Amino acid sequence: MKLYKYLRKDYADLMVNKGIIQIGTLSYYRNLEDIARADLNEGKLEKSTTFRDAKTINNKVEFDDQLRFLHGSNINYTSGKIQILPGTTFSVSENILDSYIFCTSIKFSENLMEKFGAEVCVEIFNIQLFLDIISDELVKQNKIYPKLASGRKIEYLGHEHSHEMDLSGNWLKDKIYKEEDEFRFDFIPIYKKNGKKIQPIVDENNNATFPTDIDPLNIEPFIITRNELTKCCRLL
């Protein structure tokens, strides 16, 4: 597979000849004024569930074990029994913790050139090396956790789903963006609580989870320079 980055010619020259690229963030693309690239729902997810049968939760242990997906909704365990009637629906809005991202497309298209106002297109032909080089640089700058960088195609399923769908909101976009065929690189920034670095809980699939009550996070797009990136891409 090859990836494509649509850019102005001066930015493309910097990427191909000097290994200079900009790393964006989820929050940056939520607030971007460029309509072609902005997505107000970037990194957001609305999860819901509807109970077919009546359910009784007797204590907090049962609530935590059976209804963990309701945490943050309008139902929280305080004391006594919780009785849920058939047909009851609960929704939880999840704002994904901000992260660094680099967006590309799996499709070379003149339509995308026009949509993004691009002058040229850069082809990334060694995807794994490209990811590894960026990750290594961000780790060196103490901006991200090591060994947690990832990349995958975006799913155009929208931002509202059943709690049973096990997919992070930062891999989801609305259907109106489907023509972009986006492939995204994701880099998890260093999170802190009470000023101390939080160590992630990593499962067998290398998925990391963090507590939601982290210190206020303010990450901004920035430029990196790694000459090795020139070995991964070329100007079309």
C-alpha atoms as a PDB file:
ATOM      1  CA  MET A   1       0.000   0.000   0.000  1.00  0.00           C
ATOM      2  CA  LYS A   2       1.074   3.583  -0.697  1.00  0.00           C
ATOM      3  CA  LEU A   3      -0.157   6.780   0.914  1.00  0.00           C
ATOM      4  CA  TYR A   4      -0.668  10.248  -0.509  1.00  0.00           C
ATOM      5  CA  LYS A   5      -0.278  13.688   1.033  1.00  0.00           C
ATOM      6  CA  TYR A   6      -1.825  16.671  -0.784  1.00  0.00           C
ATOM      7  CA  LEU A   7       0.194  19.843  -0.265  1.00  0.00           C
ATOM      8  CA  ARG A   8       1.289  23.203  -1.569  1.00  0.00           C
ATOM      9  CA  LYS A   9       4.456  22.856  -3.628  1.00  0.00           C
ATOM     10  CA  ASP A  10       6.693  24.618  -1.093  1.00  0.00           C
ATOM     11  CA  TYR A  11       5.518  22.303   1.724  1.00  0.00           C
ATOM     12  CA  ALA A  12       5.931  19.263  -0.508  1.00  0.00           C
ATOM     13  CA  ASP A  13       9.499  20.277  -1.405  1.00  0.00           C
ATOM     14  CA  LEU A  14      10.376  20.573   2.287  1.00  0.00           C
ATOM     15  CA  MET A  15       8.911  17.127   2.976  1.00  0.00           C
ATOM     16  CA  VAL A  16      10.559  15.324   0.062  1.00  0.00           C
ATOM     17  CA  ASN A  17      13.935  17.068   0.040  1.00  0.00           C
ATOM     18  CA  LYS A  18      14.544  17.894   3.712  1.00  0.00           C
ATOM     19  CA  GLY A  19      12.235  15.624   5.727  1.00  0.00           C
ATOM     20  CA  ILE A  20      10.297  18.568   7.214  1.00  0.00           C
ATOM     21  CA  ILE A  21       6.632  17.931   8.075  1.00  0.00           C
ATOM     22  CA  GLN A  22       3.946  19.343  10.355  1.00  0.00           C
ATOM     23  CA  ILE A  23       2.413  17.139  13.044  1.00  0.00           C
ATOM     24  CA  GLY A  24      -1.221  18.042  13.723  1.00  0.00           C
ATOM     25  CA  THR A  25      -3.578  17.299  16.611  1.00  0.00           C
ATOM     26  CA  LEU A  26      -7.186  16.135  16.956  1.00  0.00           C
ATOM     27  CA  SER A  27      -8.164  19.448  18.562  1.00  0.00           C
ATOM     28  CA  TYR A  28      -6.464  21.391  15.766  1.00  0.00           C
ATOM     29  CA  TYR A  29      -8.653  19.781  13.106  1.00  0.00           C
ATOM     30  CA  ARG A  30     -11.785  20.361  15.201  1.00  0.00           C
ATOM     31  CA  ASN A  31     -11.149  24.099  15.215  1.00  0.00           C
ATOM     32  CA  LEU A  32      -9.588  24.530  11.786  1.00  0.00           C
ATOM     33  CA  GLU A  33     -11.241  27.222   9.647  1.00  0.00           C
ATOM     34  CA  ASP A  34     -10.291  25.391   6.419  1.00  0.00           C
ATOM     35  CA  ILE A  35     -13.645  23.737   5.633  1.00  0.00           C
ATOM     36  CA  ALA A  36     -12.050  21.057   3.434  1.00  0.00           C
ATOM     37  CA  ARG A  37      -9.943  19.747   6.331  1.00  0.00           C
ATOM     38  CA  ALA A  38     -11.969  20.681   9.424  1.00  0.00           C
ATOM     39  CA  ASP A  39     -14.180  18.207  11.309  1.00  0.00           C
ATOM     40  CA  LEU A  40     -16.032  19.542  14.362  1.00  0.00           C
ATOM     41  CA  ASN A  41     -16.581  15.959  15.595  1.00  0.00           C
ATOM     42  CA  GLU A  42     -12.931  14.916  15.353  1.00  0.00           C
ATOM     43  CA  GLY A  43     -12.114  12.628  18.270  1.00  0.00           C
ATOM     44  CA  LYS A  44     -15.691  12.578  19.622  1.00  0.00           C
ATOM     45  CA  LEU A  45     -17.906   9.547  20.154  1.00  0.00           C
ATOM     46  CA  GLU A  46     -21.497   9.123  21.336  1.00  0.00           C
ATOM     47  CA  LYS A  47     -22.111   5.622  22.685  1.00  0.00           C
ATOM     48  CA  SER A  48     -25.583   4.343  23.519  1.00  0.00           C
ATOM     49  CA  THR A  49     -27.310   1.152  24.589  1.00  0.00           C
ATOM     50  CA  THR A  50     -30.959   0.113  24.817  1.00  0.00           C
ATOM     51  CA  PHE A  51     -32.036  -2.536  27.325  1.00  0.00           C
ATOM     52  CA  ARG A  52     -34.433  -5.109  25.872  1.00  0.00           C
ATOM     53  CA  ASP A  53     -35.183  -6.634  29.270  1.00  0.00           C
ATOM     54  CA  ALA A  54     -35.546  -5.290  32.776  1.00  0.00           C
ATOM     55  CA  LYS A  55     -32.351  -5.223  34.811  1.00  0.00           C
ATOM     56  CA  THR A  56     -31.606  -4.778  38.498  1.00  0.00           C
ATOM     57  CA  ILE A  57     -28.200  -3.685  39.784  1.00  0.00           C
ATOM     58  CA  ASN A  58     -27.858  -4.514  43.461  1.00  0.00           C
ATOM     59  CA  ASN A  59     -24.585  -2.851  44.431  1.00  0.00           C
ATOM     60  CA  LYS A  60     -21.621  -0.825  43.175  1.00  0.00           C
ATOM     61  CA  VAL A  61     -19.588  -3.919  42.278  1.00  0.00           C
ATOM     62  CA  GLU A  62     -22.321  -5.049  39.895  1.00  0.00           C
ATOM     63  CA  PHE A  63     -22.598  -1.526  38.509  1.00  0.00           C
ATOM     64  CA  ASP A  64     -18.861  -1.358  37.804  1.00  0.00           C
ATOM     65  CA  ASP A  65     -18.775  -4.864  36.299  1.00  0.00           C
ATOM     66  CA  GLN A  66     -21.944  -4.781  34.208  1.00  0.00           C
ATOM     67  CA  LEU A  67     -22.570  -1.108  33.464  1.00  0.00           C
ATOM     68  CA  ARG A  68     -19.106   0.343  33.138  1.00  0.00           C
ATOM     69  CA  PHE A  69     -20.097   1.757  29.755  1.00  0.00           C
ATOM     70  CA  LEU A  70     -22.639   4.001  31.509  1.00  0.00           C
ATOM     71  CA  HIS A  71     -20.023   5.879  33.495  1.00  0.00           C
ATOM     72  CA  GLY A  72     -20.356   9.519  32.601  1.00  0.00           C
ATOM     73  CA  SER A  73     -24.001   9.201  31.569  1.00  0.00           C
ATOM     74  CA  ASN A  74     -27.045  10.398  33.482  1.00  0.00           C
ATOM     75  CA  ILE A  75     -26.967   7.237  35.601  1.00  0.00           C
ATOM     76  CA  ASN A  76     -24.376   6.800  38.334  1.00  0.00           C
ATOM     77  CA  TYR A  77     -24.406   4.392  41.227  1.00  0.00           C
ATOM     78  CA  THR A  78     -24.857   6.035  44.625  1.00  0.00           C
ATOM     79  CA  SER A  79     -26.607   3.524  46.898  1.00  0.00           C
ATOM     80  CA  GLY A  80     -29.306   0.866  46.929  1.00  0.00           C
ATOM     81  CA  LYS A  81     -30.671  -0.930  43.914  1.00  0.00           C
ATOM     82  CA  ILE A  82     -30.870   0.433  40.383  1.00  0.00           C
ATOM     83  CA  GLN A  83     -33.817  -0.823  38.362  1.00  0.00           C
ATOM     84  CA  ILE A  84     -33.762  -0.405  34.598  1.00  0.00           C
ATOM     85  CA  LEU A  85     -36.993  -0.854  32.621  1.00  0.00           C
ATOM     86  CA  PRO A  86     -37.201  -2.577  29.209  1.00  0.00           C
ATOM     87  CA  GLY A  87     -36.626  -0.140  26.341  1.00  0.00           C
ATOM     88  CA  THR A  88     -34.539   2.247  28.440  1.00  0.00           C
ATOM     89  CA  THR A  89     -31.726   3.880  26.437  1.00  0.00           C
ATOM     90  CA  PHE A  90     -28.618   5.466  27.893  1.00  0.00           C
ATOM     91  CA  SER A  91     -26.079   7.569  25.998  1.00  0.00           C
ATOM     92  CA  VAL A  92     -22.563   8.583  26.955  1.00  0.00           C
ATOM     93  CA  SER A  93     -20.530  11.252  25.177  1.00  0.00           C
ATOM     94  CA  GLU A  94     -16.857  10.401  25.043  1.00  0.00           C
ATOM     95  CA  ASN A  95     -14.349  13.086  24.154  1.00  0.00           C
ATOM     96  CA  ILE A  96     -11.207  11.251  23.178  1.00  0.00           C
ATOM     97  CA  LEU A  97      -8.056  12.558  24.854  1.00  0.00           C
ATOM     98  CA  ASP A  98      -6.156  14.777  22.441  1.00  0.00           C
ATOM     99  CA  SER A  99      -3.368  13.213  20.393  1.00  0.00           C
ATOM    100  CA  TYR A 100      -0.847  14.050  17.702  1.00  0.00           C
ATOM    101  CA  ILE A 101      -1.864  12.934  14.222  1.00  0.00           C
ATOM    102  CA  PHE A 102      -0.571  12.979  10.657  1.00  0.00           C
ATOM    103  CA  CYS A 103      -3.227  12.580   7.968  1.00  0.00           C
ATOM    104  CA  THR A 104      -2.811  11.065   4.522  1.00  0.00           C
ATOM    105  CA  SER A 105      -4.998   9.307   1.952  1.00  0.00           C
ATOM    106  CA  ILE A 106      -4.815   5.838   0.433  1.00  0.00           C
ATOM    107  CA  LYS A 107      -6.090   7.326  -2.839  1.00  0.00           C
ATOM    108  CA  PHE A 108      -4.402   9.431  -5.504  1.00  0.00           C
ATOM    109  CA  SER A 109      -7.105  11.661  -6.923  1.00  0.00           C
ATOM    110  CA  GLU A 110      -7.316  14.886  -8.888  1.00  0.00           C
ATOM    111  CA  ASN A 111     -10.576  15.576  -7.039  1.00  0.00           C
ATOM    112  CA  LEU A 112      -8.757  15.511  -3.701  1.00  0.00           C
ATOM    113  CA  MET A 113      -6.049  17.786  -5.103  1.00  0.00           C
ATOM    114  CA  GLU A 114      -8.780  20.292  -5.887  1.00  0.00           C
ATOM    115  CA  LYS A 115     -10.685  19.782  -2.622  1.00  0.00           C
ATOM    116  CA  PHE A 116      -7.600  20.431  -0.476  1.00  0.00           C
ATOM    117  CA  GLY A 117      -6.392  23.298  -2.651  1.00  0.00           C
ATOM    118  CA  ALA A 118      -3.157  21.366  -3.237  1.00  0.00           C
ATOM    119  CA  GLU A 119      -0.622  22.042  -5.979  1.00  0.00           C
ATOM    120  CA  VAL A 120       1.162  18.690  -5.809  1.00  0.00           C
ATOM    121  CA  CYS A 121       0.954  15.270  -4.179  1.00  0.00           C
ATOM    122  CA  VAL A 122       3.618  13.417  -2.209  1.00  0.00           C
ATOM    123  CA  GLU A 123       3.639   9.620  -2.290  1.00  0.00           C
ATOM    124  CA  ILE A 124       4.713   7.789   0.875  1.00  0.00           C
ATOM    125  CA  PHE A 125       5.961   4.405  -0.297  1.00  0.00           C
ATOM    126  CA  ASN A 126       7.470   3.001   2.911  1.00  0.00           C
ATOM    127  CA  ILE A 127       4.704   3.389   5.484  1.00  0.00           C
ATOM    128  CA  GLN A 128       6.226   1.482   8.398  1.00  0.00           C
ATOM    129  CA  LEU A 129       9.563   3.281   8.150  1.00  0.00           C
ATOM    130  CA  PHE A 130       7.742   6.615   7.885  1.00  0.00           C
ATOM    131  CA  LEU A 131       5.800   5.854  11.089  1.00  0.00           C
ATOM    132  CA  ASP A 132       8.901   4.609  12.930  1.00  0.00           C
ATOM    133  CA  ILE A 133      10.973   7.690  12.069  1.00  0.00           C
ATOM    134  CA  ILE A 134       8.290  10.134  13.229  1.00  0.00           C
ATOM    135  CA  SER A 135       7.642   8.139  16.399  1.00  0.00           C
ATOM    136  CA  ASP A 136      11.357   8.004  17.199  1.00  0.00           C
ATOM    137  CA  GLU A 137      11.658  11.774  16.808  1.00  0.00           C
ATOM    138  CA  LEU A 138       8.639  12.513  19.015  1.00  0.00           C
ATOM    139  CA  VAL A 139       9.931  10.144  21.708  1.00  0.00           C
ATOM    140  CA  LYS A 140      13.303  11.923  21.603  1.00  0.00           C
ATOM    141  CA  GLN A 141      11.485  15.229  22.103  1.00  0.00           C
ATOM    142  CA  ASN A 142       9.634  13.699  25.087  1.00  0.00           C
ATOM    143  CA  LYS A 143       6.266  14.453  23.492  1.00  0.00           C
ATOM    144  CA  ILE A 144       4.816  10.925  23.223  1.00  0.00           C
ATOM    145  CA  TYR A 145       4.910   7.474  24.811  1.00  0.00           C
ATOM    146  CA  PRO A 146       7.281   4.990  23.130  1.00  0.00           C
ATOM    147  CA  LYS A 147       5.957   1.944  21.243  1.00  0.00           C
ATOM    148  CA  LEU A 148       2.341   3.185  21.155  1.00  0.00           C
ATOM    149  CA  ALA A 149       2.354   4.929  17.757  1.00  0.00           C
ATOM    150  CA  SER A 150      -0.098   3.443  15.286  1.00  0.00           C
ATOM    151  CA  GLY A 151      -1.650   3.954  11.891  1.00  0.00           C
ATOM    152  CA  ARG A 152      -4.788   2.716  10.148  1.00  0.00           C
ATOM    153  CA  LYS A 153      -7.530   3.613   7.710  1.00  0.00           C
ATOM    154  CA  ILE A 154     -10.376   5.775   8.974  1.00  0.00           C
ATOM    155  CA  GLU A 155     -13.823   4.177   9.275  1.00  0.00           C
ATOM    156  CA  TYR A 156     -16.598   6.387   7.883  1.00  0.00           C
ATOM    157  CA  LEU A 157     -19.269   5.193  10.288  1.00  0.00           C
ATOM    158  CA  GLY A 158     -20.107   8.465  11.997  1.00  0.00           C
ATOM    159  CA  HIS A 159     -19.684   9.315  15.669  1.00  0.00           C
ATOM    160  CA  GLU A 160     -22.771   7.657  17.189  1.00  0.00           C
ATOM    161  CA  HIS A 161     -22.618   3.941  18.020  1.00  0.00           C
ATOM    162  CA  SER A 162     -23.675   1.203  20.383  1.00  0.00           C
ATOM    163  CA  HIS A 163     -21.381   0.685  23.360  1.00  0.00           C
ATOM    164  CA  GLU A 164     -20.622  -2.749  21.905  1.00  0.00           C
ATOM    165  CA  MET A 165     -18.507  -1.285  19.106  1.00  0.00           C
ATOM    166  CA  ASP A 166     -14.889  -1.459  20.228  1.00  0.00           C
ATOM    167  CA  LEU A 167     -13.295   1.294  18.150  1.00  0.00           C
ATOM    168  CA  SER A 168     -11.807   4.545  19.360  1.00  0.00           C
ATOM    169  CA  GLY A 169     -13.380   7.792  18.215  1.00  0.00           C
ATOM    170  CA  ASN A 170     -10.120   9.006  16.702  1.00  0.00           C
ATOM    171  CA  TRP A 171     -10.499   6.388  13.935  1.00  0.00           C
ATOM    172  CA  LEU A 172     -14.033   7.516  13.040  1.00  0.00           C
ATOM    173  CA  LYS A 173     -15.356  10.203  10.713  1.00  0.00           C
ATOM    174  CA  ASP A 174     -18.739  11.087   9.263  1.00  0.00           C
ATOM    175  CA  LYS A 175     -19.761   9.684   5.883  1.00  0.00           C
ATOM    176  CA  ILE A 176     -19.513  13.084   4.198  1.00  0.00           C
ATOM    177  CA  TYR A 177     -15.704  12.698   4.309  1.00  0.00           C
ATOM    178  CA  LYS A 178     -15.666   9.206   2.767  1.00  0.00           C
ATOM    179  CA  GLU A 179     -14.180  10.325  -0.554  1.00  0.00           C
ATOM    180  CA  GLU A 180     -10.980  11.287   1.297  1.00  0.00           C
ATOM    181  CA  ASP A 181     -10.097   7.621   2.061  1.00  0.00           C
ATOM    182  CA  GLU A 182      -7.981   8.830   4.969  1.00  0.00           C
ATOM    183  CA  PHE A 183      -5.142   6.845   6.518  1.00  0.00           C
ATOM    184  CA  ARG A 184      -4.101   8.370   9.831  1.00  0.00           C
ATOM    185  CA  PHE A 185      -0.985   8.087  11.977  1.00  0.00           C
ATOM    186  CA  ASP A 186      -1.686   8.535  15.694  1.00  0.00           C
ATOM    187  CA  PHE A 187       0.807   9.420  18.437  1.00  0.00           C
ATOM    188  CA  ILE A 188      -0.271   9.522  22.100  1.00  0.00           C
ATOM    189  CA  PRO A 189       1.046  12.591  23.976  1.00  0.00           C
ATOM    190  CA  ILE A 190       2.470  12.398  27.476  1.00  0.00           C
ATOM    191  CA  TYR A 191      -0.421  12.651  29.955  1.00  0.00           C
ATOM    192  CA  LYS A 192       0.048  13.826  33.518  1.00  0.00           C
ATOM    193  CA  LYS A 193      -1.959  13.783  36.740  1.00  0.00           C
ATOM    194  CA  ASN A 194      -1.035  16.152  39.541  1.00  0.00           C
ATOM    195  CA  GLY A 195       2.073  17.001  37.545  1.00  0.00           C
ATOM    196  CA  LYS A 196       3.302  13.413  37.336  1.00  0.00           C
ATOM    197  CA  LYS A 197       3.542  11.367  34.157  1.00  0.00           C
ATOM    198  CA  ILE A 198       0.817   8.730  33.844  1.00  0.00           C
ATOM    199  CA  GLN A 199       1.862   5.255  32.788  1.00  0.00           C
ATOM    200  CA  PRO A 200      -0.676   3.734  30.381  1.00  0.00           C
ATOM    201  CA  ILE A 201      -2.373   0.379  30.875  1.00  0.00           C
ATOM    202  CA  VAL A 202      -1.538  -1.606  27.732  1.00  0.00           C
ATOM    203  CA  ASP A 203      -3.501  -4.736  26.778  1.00  0.00           C
ATOM    204  CA  GLU A 204      -2.406  -7.731  24.699  1.00  0.00           C
ATOM    205  CA  ASN A 205      -3.343  -5.892  21.484  1.00  0.00           C
ATOM    206  CA  ASN A 206      -1.111  -2.930  22.390  1.00  0.00           C
ATOM    207  CA  ASN A 207      -4.139  -0.724  23.092  1.00  0.00           C
ATOM    208  CA  ALA A 208      -3.465   1.838  25.814  1.00  0.00           C
ATOM    209  CA  THR A 209      -5.984   3.233  28.276  1.00  0.00           C
ATOM    210  CA  PHE A 210      -5.634   6.221  30.601  1.00  0.00           C
ATOM    211  CA  PRO A 211      -7.712   7.765  33.387  1.00  0.00           C
ATOM    212  CA  THR A 212      -9.919  10.609  32.184  1.00  0.00           C
ATOM    213  CA  ASP A 213      -9.074  12.939  35.080  1.00  0.00           C
ATOM    214  CA  ILE A 214      -5.735  14.101  33.696  1.00  0.00           C
ATOM    215  CA  ASP A 215      -4.137  17.512  34.071  1.00  0.00           C
ATOM    216  CA  PRO A 216      -5.396  20.063  31.517  1.00  0.00           C
ATOM    217  CA  LEU A 217      -3.765  19.246  28.207  1.00  0.00           C
ATOM    218  CA  ASN A 218      -2.735  21.823  25.629  1.00  0.00           C
ATOM    219  CA  ILE A 219      -0.942  20.380  22.622  1.00  0.00           C
ATOM    220  CA  GLU A 220      -0.411  22.305  19.413  1.00  0.00           C
ATOM    221  CA  PRO A 221       0.690  21.363  15.888  1.00  0.00           C
ATOM    222  CA  PHE A 222       4.433  21.684  15.384  1.00  0.00           C
ATOM    223  CA  ILE A 223       7.166  21.064  12.827  1.00  0.00           C
ATOM    224  CA  ILE A 224       9.688  18.221  12.926  1.00  0.00           C
ATOM    225  CA  THR A 225      12.749  17.686  10.767  1.00  0.00           C
ATOM    226  CA  ARG A 226      14.142  14.208  10.127  1.00  0.00           C
ATOM    227  CA  ASN A 227      16.225  13.810   6.984  1.00  0.00           C
ATOM    228  CA  GLU A 228      15.490  10.050   6.981  1.00  0.00           C
ATOM    229  CA  LEU A 229      11.896  10.839   5.988  1.00  0.00           C
ATOM    230  CA  THR A 230      13.156  11.662   2.502  1.00  0.00           C
ATOM    231  CA  LYS A 231      13.844   7.933   2.053  1.00  0.00           C
ATOM    232  CA  CYS A 232      10.140   7.171   2.483  1.00  0.00           C
ATOM    233  CA  CYS A 233       8.491   9.579   0.054  1.00  0.00           C
ATOM    234  CA  ARG A 234       8.691  11.159  -3.358  1.00  0.00           C
ATOM    235  CA  LEU A 235       7.002  13.893  -5.328  1.00  0.00           C
ATOM    236  CA  LEU A 236       4.490  12.720  -7.930  1.00  0.00           C
END
